[in-house]
Amino acid sequence: MKCNRCGSEVEDNSKFCRVCGQNLQDKNIDDLQINQEKDNLNKQTEQKYKQKNIDIDNNINTQKDNKSTFKIVVGVFAVIIVIAFIFTIIVSSRGTSKEVETVKNGNFIDYPEYEGYTTIGAAFENYFDDTKWRYFVSDDGLDIVEFEGVFLYCDKETNCCLQFELYDDNHFETYALEFNGVPQSNIMMNALIDEVMTDAQYMDEY
């Protein structure tokens, strides 16, 4: 190695320069410290690099997990929508194509077609506004077709709910009547039906 003062060649691990007497021990110590600091710096850099790679891998895995979770949630949501849609179709089909249509396309015995009376469905939808029909099984096991509509009663807008009970032979009869949720008598039920059917008499001829 060389002396750091005069530049003379000296033997490795020499404590003093044989030419100028420079103390070479401090230089060796400085070189050792520098090398140690370089090693420490390299180790720290390597650790930071490894940690950065770990963080990147964790972020990638987290993103993958999030994407997987999102796909699962979307899939479950799609399945629920499909099931709900199928259930709605089944219920709607059951209520509209069979039980409800049986009542809507039927006639009251006292209001026959040959006397100019129309079907129950046509008469009720002619007389009421915002009409709705639905089929359900009551708590006591009765097959019920329920009609709802709005009309003027005593000059006030009133919600009418009329229920029909169905039997196995497609025969049906009126079951219950309510105005704005208040039960009505059979006399009121018969008077309402007479009003509705008479209002629609000969309607098909016009």
Protein backbone atom coordinates (compact mmCIF):
# COMPACT_ATOMS: atom_id res chain seq x y z
CA MET A 1 0.00 0.00 0.00
CA LYS A 2 0.99 3.66 -0.22
CA CYS A 3 1.66 6.22 2.50
CA ASN A 4 -1.12 8.78 2.62
CA ARG A 5 1.40 11.58 3.26
CA CYS A 6 4.41 11.04 0.95
CA GLY A 7 3.04 8.36 -1.35
CA SER A 8 5.87 5.93 -0.72
CA GLU A 9 5.23 2.21 -1.08
CA VAL A 10 5.07 0.53 2.27
CA GLU A 11 4.29 -3.01 3.34
CA ASP A 12 0.72 -3.98 4.10
CA ASN A 13 -0.28 -3.65 7.76
CA SER A 14 2.71 -1.32 8.45
CA LYS A 15 2.11 1.00 11.37
CA PHE A 16 4.50 3.77 10.21
CA CYS A 17 5.87 4.94 6.85
CA ARG A 18 9.60 4.07 6.63
CA VAL A 19 10.24 7.24 4.61
CA CYS A 20 8.32 10.03 6.36
CA GLY A 21 7.28 8.29 9.59
CA GLN A 22 3.55 8.89 8.98
CA ASN A 23 1.29 6.92 11.34
CA LEU A 24 -0.49 4.52 9.03
CA GLN A 25 -2.67 2.97 11.79
CA ASP A 26 -5.25 5.79 11.60
CA LYS A 27 -5.51 5.35 7.87
CA ASN A 28 -6.22 1.65 8.24
CA ILE A 29 -8.78 2.37 10.89
CA ASP A 30 -10.44 4.96 8.63
CA ASP A 31 -10.44 2.51 5.73
CA LEU A 32 -11.93 -0.17 7.98
CA GLN A 33 -14.66 2.18 9.19
CA ILE A 34 -15.41 3.27 5.63
CA ASN A 35 -15.66 -0.34 4.51
CA GLN A 36 -17.91 -1.16 7.47
CA GLU A 37 -20.12 1.82 6.69
CA LYS A 38 -20.29 0.74 3.06
CA ASP A 39 -21.25 -2.76 4.13
CA ASN A 40 -23.91 -1.40 6.50
CA LEU A 41 -25.24 0.88 3.76
CA ASN A 42 -25.37 -1.99 1.31
CA LYS A 43 -27.18 -4.16 3.85
CA GLN A 44 -29.69 -1.39 4.59
CA THR A 45 -30.25 -0.85 0.87
CA GLU A 46 -30.72 -4.56 0.34
CA GLN A 47 -33.19 -4.76 3.24
CA LYS A 48 -35.15 -1.79 1.90
CA TYR A 49 -35.23 -3.39 -1.54
CA LYS A 50 -36.46 -6.68 -0.09
CA GLN A 51 -39.08 -4.87 2.01
CA LYS A 52 -40.20 -2.93 -1.05
CA ASN A 53 -40.58 -6.17 -2.97
CA ILE A 54 -42.54 -7.65 -0.05
CA ASP A 55 -44.81 -4.59 0.01
CA ILE A 56 -45.33 -4.84 -3.75
CA ASP A 57 -46.16 -8.54 -3.45
CA ASN A 58 -48.57 -7.80 -0.58
CA ASN A 59 -50.27 -5.08 -2.62
CA ILE A 60 -50.58 -7.40 -5.59
CA ASN A 61 -52.02 -10.16 -3.40
CA THR A 62 -54.39 -7.69 -1.76
CA GLN A 63 -55.59 -6.49 -5.16
CA LYS A 64 -56.07 -10.08 -6.27
CA ASP A 65 -58.02 -10.83 -3.09
CA ASN A 66 -60.15 -7.72 -3.58
CA LYS A 67 -60.85 -8.68 -7.19
CA SER A 68 -61.75 -12.21 -6.12
CA THR A 69 -64.04 -10.89 -3.38
CA PHE A 70 -65.66 -8.46 -5.82
CA LYS A 71 -66.25 -11.27 -8.32
CA ILE A 72 -67.80 -13.43 -5.61
CA VAL A 73 -70.09 -10.61 -4.45
CA VAL A 74 -71.14 -9.82 -8.02
CA GLY A 75 -71.76 -13.50 -8.67
CA VAL A 76 -73.90 -13.93 -5.56
CA PHE A 77 -75.83 -10.75 -6.35
CA ALA A 78 -76.45 -11.96 -9.91
CA VAL A 79 -77.72 -15.31 -8.63
CA ILE A 80 -80.09 -13.55 -6.20
CA ILE A 81 -81.44 -11.37 -9.01
CA VAL A 82 -82.00 -14.39 -11.25
CA ILE A 83 -83.76 -16.30 -8.46
CA ALA A 84 -85.95 -13.30 -7.64
CA PHE A 85 -86.77 -12.83 -11.32
CA ILE A 86 -87.73 -16.49 -11.76
CA PHE A 87 -89.79 -16.41 -8.56
CA THR A 88 -91.60 -13.28 -9.77
CA ILE A 89 -92.36 -14.91 -13.10
CA ILE A 90 -93.67 -18.04 -11.39
CA VAL A 91 -95.84 -16.08 -8.96
CA SER A 92 -97.07 -13.70 -11.65
CA SER A 93 -97.79 -16.54 -14.00
CA ARG A 94 -99.67 -18.44 -11.34
CA GLY A 95 -101.71 -15.43 -10.24
CA THR A 96 -102.47 -13.97 -13.66
CA SER A 97 -102.82 -16.86 -16.07
CA LYS A 98 -105.00 -19.07 -13.92
CA GLU A 99 -106.77 -17.88 -10.79
CA VAL A 100 -106.96 -14.17 -11.59
CA GLU A 101 -107.98 -14.79 -15.20
CA THR A 102 -110.67 -17.21 -14.02
CA VAL A 103 -112.35 -14.35 -12.14
CA LYS A 104 -111.67 -11.62 -14.69
CA ASN A 105 -113.06 -13.67 -17.56
CA GLY A 106 -116.04 -14.89 -15.53
CA ASN A 107 -119.59 -13.59 -15.20
CA PHE A 108 -122.04 -13.19 -12.32
CA ILE A 109 -125.13 -15.37 -12.65
CA ASP A 110 -127.41 -12.36 -12.24
CA TYR A 111 -125.57 -10.46 -14.97
CA PRO A 112 -125.36 -12.79 -17.99
CA GLU A 113 -123.72 -11.96 -21.29
CA TYR A 114 -126.91 -12.46 -23.31
CA GLU A 115 -128.41 -9.47 -21.48
CA GLY A 116 -125.53 -7.24 -22.53
CA TYR A 117 -123.35 -7.58 -19.44
CA THR A 118 -119.61 -7.89 -19.93
CA THR A 119 -117.06 -9.93 -18.00
CA ILE A 120 -116.19 -9.12 -14.39
CA GLY A 121 -112.69 -7.95 -15.30
CA ALA A 122 -113.87 -5.59 -18.05
CA ALA A 123 -116.67 -4.17 -15.87
CA PHE A 124 -114.46 -3.53 -12.84
CA GLU A 125 -111.64 -1.99 -14.84
CA ASN A 126 -114.20 0.24 -16.57
CA TYR A 127 -115.66 1.46 -13.28
CA PHE A 128 -112.52 1.82 -11.13
CA ASP A 129 -109.17 3.58 -11.53
CA ASP A 130 -105.73 2.19 -10.59
CA THR A 131 -106.99 -1.38 -10.71
CA LYS A 132 -104.93 -4.27 -9.33
CA TRP A 133 -105.57 -8.01 -9.26
CA ARG A 134 -103.70 -10.63 -7.27
CA TYR A 135 -104.06 -14.22 -6.13
CA PHE A 136 -103.03 -15.65 -2.76
CA VAL A 137 -103.86 -18.39 -0.29
CA SER A 138 -105.32 -17.07 2.97
CA ASP A 139 -104.17 -18.13 6.44
CA ASP A 140 -107.07 -20.58 6.68
CA GLY A 141 -106.23 -22.17 3.30
CA LEU A 142 -108.71 -20.39 1.03
CA ASP A 143 -107.85 -19.55 -2.58
CA ILE A 144 -108.48 -15.82 -2.86
CA VAL A 145 -108.42 -13.49 -5.84
CA GLU A 146 -108.30 -9.90 -4.62
CA PHE A 147 -109.31 -6.83 -6.61
CA GLU A 148 -108.30 -3.29 -5.67
CA GLY A 149 -109.41 -0.06 -7.32
CA VAL A 150 -110.15 3.58 -6.63
CA PHE A 151 -113.58 5.21 -7.13
CA LEU A 152 -115.70 8.08 -5.83
CA TYR A 153 -117.89 7.16 -2.88
CA CYS A 154 -119.95 9.92 -1.28
CA ASP A 155 -117.93 12.36 -3.43
CA LYS A 156 -114.68 11.16 -1.85
CA GLU A 157 -111.89 9.17 -3.46
CA THR A 158 -112.14 5.73 -1.91
CA ASN A 159 -110.04 2.59 -2.14
CA CYS A 160 -112.14 -0.51 -2.75
CA CYS A 161 -110.90 -4.03 -1.97
CA LEU A 162 -113.13 -6.90 -3.10
CA GLN A 163 -112.16 -10.53 -2.57
CA PHE A 164 -113.39 -13.59 -4.47
CA GLU A 165 -113.12 -17.14 -3.11
CA LEU A 166 -112.22 -19.80 -5.68
CA TYR A 167 -113.18 -23.46 -5.66
CA ASP A 168 -111.64 -26.49 -7.38
CA ASP A 169 -114.20 -26.54 -10.21
CA ASN A 170 -113.30 -22.93 -11.25
CA HIS A 171 -116.46 -21.78 -9.51
CA PHE A 172 -116.09 -18.61 -7.42
CA GLU A 173 -118.14 -16.22 -5.36
CA THR A 174 -117.66 -12.89 -3.60
CA TYR A 175 -116.02 -13.25 -0.21
CA ALA A 176 -115.37 -9.87 1.43
CA LEU A 177 -115.49 -6.13 0.71
CA GLU A 178 -113.62 -3.21 2.28
CA PHE A 179 -113.66 0.55 1.69
CA ASN A 180 -110.42 2.20 2.83
CA GLY A 181 -109.72 -0.84 4.99
CA VAL A 182 -113.17 -0.82 6.65
CA PRO A 183 -115.22 -4.05 6.18
CA GLN A 184 -118.58 -3.61 4.43
CA SER A 185 -121.81 -5.61 4.67
CA ASN A 186 -123.16 -8.05 2.09
CA ILE A 187 -125.85 -5.50 1.26
CA MET A 188 -123.19 -2.95 0.34
CA MET A 189 -121.29 -5.61 -1.62
CA ASN A 190 -124.37 -6.50 -3.69
CA ALA A 191 -125.17 -2.82 -4.28
CA LEU A 192 -121.63 -2.13 -5.47
CA ILE A 193 -121.59 -5.11 -7.85
CA ASP A 194 -124.94 -4.05 -9.29
CA GLU A 195 -123.61 -0.52 -9.84
CA VAL A 196 -120.42 -1.77 -11.49
CA MET A 197 -122.10 -4.32 -13.78
CA THR A 198 -124.97 -2.02 -14.77
CA ASP A 199 -122.53 0.77 -15.62
CA ALA A 200 -120.76 -1.61 -18.03
CA GLN A 201 -123.94 -3.10 -19.57
CA TYR A 202 -123.84 -3.06 -23.39
CA MET A 203 -120.33 -1.60 -23.14
CA ASP A 204 -119.05 -4.07 -25.75
CA GLU A 205 -121.57 -2.81 -28.29
CA TYR A 206 -120.12 0.73 -28.38
